[in-house]
Amino acid sequence: MTRPNGSARRKEEERRSHEKMRVEFDAYLDHLRHAREREEFDHYMAERRDGKTAA
């Protein structure tokens, strides 16, 4: 088996770095989605509690 040269090693490090950033970004987007869902749910519950929903 041959050892990767400097260029191949750099590309692999970049690929790993990009993959790590993608995973972190996906987690961030997931967090934002949950926060928005929570905000919408809390708003819905507040309206329901205050009797503002239409039947």
N, C-alpha and C. Protein backbone atom coordinates (compact mmCIF):
# COMPACT_ATOMS: atom_id res chain seq x y z
N MET A 1 0.84 -1.18 0.00
CA MET A 1 0.00 0.00 0.00
C MET A 1 0.89 1.24 0.00
N THR A 2 0.53 2.20 -0.79
CA THR A 2 1.34 3.41 -0.89
C THR A 2 0.86 4.44 0.10
N ARG A 3 1.76 5.26 0.53
CA ARG A 3 1.41 6.36 1.45
C ARG A 3 0.93 7.54 0.63
N PRO A 4 -0.10 8.22 1.13
CA PRO A 4 -0.59 9.39 0.39
C PRO A 4 0.47 10.49 0.37
N ASN A 5 0.56 11.17 -0.76
CA ASN A 5 1.51 12.27 -0.83
C ASN A 5 0.92 13.49 -0.13
N GLY A 6 1.66 14.56 -0.07
CA GLY A 6 1.22 15.76 0.65
C GLY A 6 -0.09 16.31 0.14
N SER A 7 -0.27 16.32 -1.18
CA SER A 7 -1.48 16.86 -1.78
C SER A 7 -2.69 16.01 -1.41
N ALA A 8 -2.55 14.71 -1.51
CA ALA A 8 -3.66 13.81 -1.17
C ALA A 8 -3.99 13.91 0.31
N ARG A 9 -2.98 14.04 1.14
CA ARG A 9 -3.20 14.18 2.58
C ARG A 9 -3.96 15.47 2.89
N ARG A 10 -3.56 16.55 2.24
CA ARG A 10 -4.24 17.85 2.42
C ARG A 10 -5.70 17.77 1.99
N LYS A 11 -5.94 17.12 0.84
CA LYS A 11 -7.31 16.97 0.35
C LYS A 11 -8.15 16.16 1.34
N GLU A 12 -7.57 15.12 1.88
CA GLU A 12 -8.30 14.30 2.86
C GLU A 12 -8.59 15.10 4.13
N GLU A 13 -7.63 15.90 4.57
CA GLU A 13 -7.86 16.75 5.75
C GLU A 13 -8.97 17.77 5.47
N GLU A 14 -8.96 18.35 4.27
CA GLU A 14 -10.01 19.31 3.90
C GLU A 14 -11.36 18.62 3.85
N ARG A 15 -11.40 17.41 3.27
CA ARG A 15 -12.65 16.67 3.19
C ARG A 15 -13.20 16.41 4.58
N ARG A 16 -12.35 15.98 5.49
CA ARG A 16 -12.78 15.72 6.87
C ARG A 16 -13.26 17.00 7.55
N SER A 17 -12.54 18.10 7.30
CA SER A 17 -12.93 19.38 7.87
C SER A 17 -14.29 19.82 7.35
N HIS A 18 -14.51 19.67 6.04
CA HIS A 18 -15.79 20.05 5.44
C HIS A 18 -16.91 19.17 5.97
N GLU A 19 -16.64 17.89 6.13
CA GLU A 19 -17.65 16.98 6.67
C GLU A 19 -18.01 17.38 8.09
N LYS A 20 -17.02 17.72 8.89
CA LYS A 20 -17.28 18.15 10.27
C LYS A 20 -18.12 19.43 10.28
N MET A 21 -17.79 20.38 9.41
CA MET A 21 -18.56 21.62 9.34
C MET A 21 -19.99 21.35 8.89
N ARG A 22 -20.18 20.42 7.95
CA ARG A 22 -21.52 20.07 7.48
C ARG A 22 -22.35 19.48 8.61
N VAL A 23 -21.75 18.58 9.38
CA VAL A 23 -22.45 17.96 10.50
C VAL A 23 -22.83 19.03 11.53
N GLU A 24 -21.91 19.93 11.83
CA GLU A 24 -22.20 21.00 12.79
C GLU A 24 -23.30 21.93 12.27
N PHE A 25 -23.27 22.24 10.97
CA PHE A 25 -24.29 23.11 10.38
C PHE A 25 -25.65 22.43 10.40
N ASP A 26 -25.68 21.14 10.08
CA ASP A 26 -26.94 20.39 10.13
C ASP A 26 -27.51 20.41 11.54
N ALA A 27 -26.67 20.26 12.55
CA ALA A 27 -27.12 20.30 13.93
C ALA A 27 -27.67 21.68 14.27
N TYR A 28 -27.02 22.73 13.77
CA TYR A 28 -27.48 24.10 14.00
C TYR A 28 -28.85 24.31 13.37
N LEU A 29 -29.03 23.85 12.12
CA LEU A 29 -30.33 23.99 11.47
C LEU A 29 -31.41 23.21 12.22
N ASP A 30 -31.06 22.05 12.70
CA ASP A 30 -32.01 21.25 13.49
C ASP A 30 -32.42 22.01 14.74
N HIS A 31 -31.45 22.64 15.39
CA HIS A 31 -31.73 23.44 16.58
C HIS A 31 -32.68 24.58 16.24
N LEU A 32 -32.44 25.27 15.13
CA LEU A 32 -33.32 26.37 14.72
C LEU A 32 -34.74 25.87 14.43
N ARG A 33 -34.85 24.72 13.77
CA ARG A 33 -36.18 24.16 13.48
C ARG A 33 -36.93 23.87 14.76
N HIS A 34 -36.25 23.25 15.71
CA HIS A 34 -36.90 22.93 16.98
C HIS A 34 -37.31 24.20 17.73
N ALA A 35 -36.46 25.20 17.69
CA ALA A 35 -36.78 26.47 18.37
C ALA A 35 -38.01 27.11 17.74
N ARG A 36 -38.10 27.07 16.42
CA ARG A 36 -39.25 27.65 15.74
C ARG A 36 -40.51 26.86 16.06
N GLU A 37 -40.41 25.54 16.03
CA GLU A 37 -41.56 24.71 16.38
C GLU A 37 -42.01 24.98 17.80
N ARG A 38 -41.07 25.13 18.71
CA ARG A 38 -41.39 25.40 20.10
C ARG A 38 -42.09 26.76 20.22
N GLU A 39 -41.58 27.75 19.50
CA GLU A 39 -42.18 29.09 19.53
C GLU A 39 -43.62 29.04 18.99
N GLU A 40 -43.82 28.34 17.88
CA GLU A 40 -45.16 28.22 17.32
C GLU A 40 -46.09 27.48 18.27
N PHE A 41 -45.60 26.43 18.89
CA PHE A 41 -46.41 25.67 19.84
C PHE A 41 -46.77 26.52 21.05
N ASP A 42 -45.79 27.25 21.58
CA ASP A 42 -46.06 28.11 22.73
C ASP A 42 -47.09 29.19 22.38
N HIS A 43 -46.99 29.74 21.17
CA HIS A 43 -47.94 30.74 20.71
C HIS A 43 -49.35 30.13 20.62
N TYR A 44 -49.43 28.95 20.04
CA TYR A 44 -50.70 28.25 19.92
C TYR A 44 -51.30 27.99 21.30
N MET A 45 -50.50 27.51 22.22
CA MET A 45 -51.00 27.21 23.57
C MET A 45 -51.44 28.48 24.29
N ALA A 46 -50.72 29.57 24.09
CA ALA A 46 -51.11 30.84 24.72
C ALA A 46 -52.45 31.32 24.18
N GLU A 47 -52.63 31.20 22.86
CA GLU A 47 -53.92 31.60 22.28
C GLU A 47 -55.04 30.72 22.80
N ARG A 48 -54.78 29.46 22.89
CA ARG A 48 -55.78 28.51 23.39
C ARG A 48 -56.13 28.81 24.84
N ARG A 49 -55.11 29.08 25.61
CA ARG A 49 -55.31 29.38 27.03
C ARG A 49 -56.12 30.67 27.19
N ASP A 50 -55.87 31.64 26.32
CA ASP A 50 -56.56 32.93 26.41
C ASP A 50 -57.89 32.93 25.68
N GLY A 51 -58.28 31.79 25.09
CA GLY A 51 -59.56 31.68 24.44
C GLY A 51 -59.65 32.41 23.13
N LYS A 52 -58.55 32.54 22.40
CA LYS A 52 -58.54 33.29 21.16
C LYS A 52 -58.63 32.41 19.91
N THR A 53 -58.79 31.11 20.06
CA THR A 53 -58.85 30.26 18.89
C THR A 53 -60.28 30.19 18.37
N ALA A 54 -60.40 30.12 17.05
CA ALA A 54 -61.72 30.01 16.44
C ALA A 54 -62.11 28.53 16.38
N ALA A 55 -63.36 28.25 16.66
CA ALA A 55 -63.83 26.86 16.65
C ALA A 55 -64.30 26.45 15.29
